[in-house]
C-alpha atoms as a PDB file:
ATOM      1  CA  MET A   1     103.337  71.238 126.053  1.00  0.00           C
ATOM      2  CA  LEU A   2     105.318  74.257 127.406  1.00  0.00           C
ATOM      3  CA  ALA A   3     108.004  73.208 124.827  1.00  0.00           C
ATOM      4  CA  GLU A   4     105.197  73.062 121.506  1.00  0.00           C
ATOM      5  CA  LEU A   5     103.913  76.357 122.379  1.00  0.00           C
ATOM      6  CA  GLU A   6     107.765  77.869 122.814  1.00  0.00           C
ATOM      7  CA  GLN A   7     108.202  76.542 119.236  1.00  0.00           C
ATOM      8  CA  LYS A   8     105.218  77.405 117.771  1.00  0.00           C
ATOM      9  CA  GLN A   9     106.144  80.887 119.222  1.00  0.00           C
ATOM     10  CA  GLN A  10     109.505  80.643 117.804  1.00  0.00           C
ATOM     11  CA  ASN A  11     108.136  79.242 114.366  1.00  0.00           C
ATOM     12  CA  LEU A  12     105.752  82.722 114.238  1.00  0.00           C
ATOM     13  CA  ARG A  13     108.675  85.167 115.030  1.00  0.00           C
ATOM     14  CA  ASP A  14     110.822  83.227 111.949  1.00  0.00           C
ATOM     15  CA  THR A  15     107.571  83.678 109.770  1.00  0.00           C
ATOM     16  CA  MET A  16     107.104  87.315 110.831  1.00  0.00           C
ATOM     17  CA  LEU A  17     110.547  88.109 110.604  1.00  0.00           C
ATOM     18  CA  ARG A  18     110.729  86.926 106.889  1.00  0.00           C
ATOM     19  CA  ILE A  19     107.520  88.835 106.204  1.00  0.00           C
ATOM     20  CA  SER A  20     108.931  91.959 107.182  1.00  0.00           C
ATOM     21  CA  GLY A  21     112.207  91.408 105.148  1.00  0.00           C
ATOM     22  CA  ALA A  22     109.998  90.633 102.248  1.00  0.00           C
ATOM     23  CA  ILE A  23     108.028  94.215 103.062  1.00  0.00           C
ATOM     24  CA  GLN A  24     111.015  95.972 103.064  1.00  0.00           C
ATOM     25  CA  VAL A  25     112.142  94.423  99.747  1.00  0.00           C
ATOM     26  CA  LEU A  26     109.064  95.682  98.073  1.00  0.00           C
ATOM     27  CA  GLU A  27     109.419  99.201  99.681  1.00  0.00           C
ATOM     28  CA  GLU A  28     112.790  99.580  98.347  1.00  0.00           C
ATOM     29  CA  GLU A  29     112.112  98.032  95.269  1.00  0.00           C
ATOM     30  CA  LEU A  30     108.844 100.297  95.067  1.00  0.00           C
ATOM     31  CA  ALA A  31     110.921 103.670  96.061  1.00  0.00           C
ATOM     32  CA  MET A  32     113.166 103.067  93.044  1.00  0.00           C
ATOM     33  CA  ALA A  33     110.705 102.347  90.420  1.00  0.00           C
ATOM     34  CA  GLU A  34     109.088 105.662  91.917  1.00  0.00           C
ATOM     35  CA  ALA A  35     112.558 107.661  91.842  1.00  0.00           C
ATOM     36  CA  GLN A  36     113.044 106.692  87.923  1.00  0.00           C
ATOM     37  CA  PRO A  37     111.383 108.246  85.625  1.00  0.00           C
ATOM     38  CA  ALA A  38     108.623 106.737  83.419  1.00  0.00           C
ATOM     39  CA  GLU A  39     109.999 105.399  80.303  1.00  0.00           C
ATOM     40  CA  VAL A  40     107.154 105.377  77.813  1.00  0.00           C
ATOM     41  CA  GLU A  41     107.830 103.470  74.664  1.00  0.00           C
ATOM     42  CA  LEU A  42     105.882 105.101  71.308  1.00  0.00           C
ATOM     43  CA  ASN A  43     105.154 102.942  68.393  1.00  0.00           C
ATOM     44  CA  VAL A  44     104.374 105.161  65.681  1.00  0.00           C
ATOM     45  CA  THR A  45     102.939 103.808  62.765  1.00  0.00           C
ATOM     46  CA  ALA A  46     102.767 105.794  59.359  1.00  0.00           C
ATOM     47  CA  THR A  47      99.427 105.732  57.708  1.00  0.00           C
ATOM     48  CA  SER A  48      98.506 106.776  53.929  1.00  0.00           C
END
């Protein structure tokens, strides 16, 4: 029983570590996106 709980505890730690890493990557990507100037594509169509 103790071994099962220890395994669950380790699995939970591993999962939390992966989630933490994913959050860090997303925060870094967001910071890079905010630092870049916004690129706006204008489609101009001539009308007569």
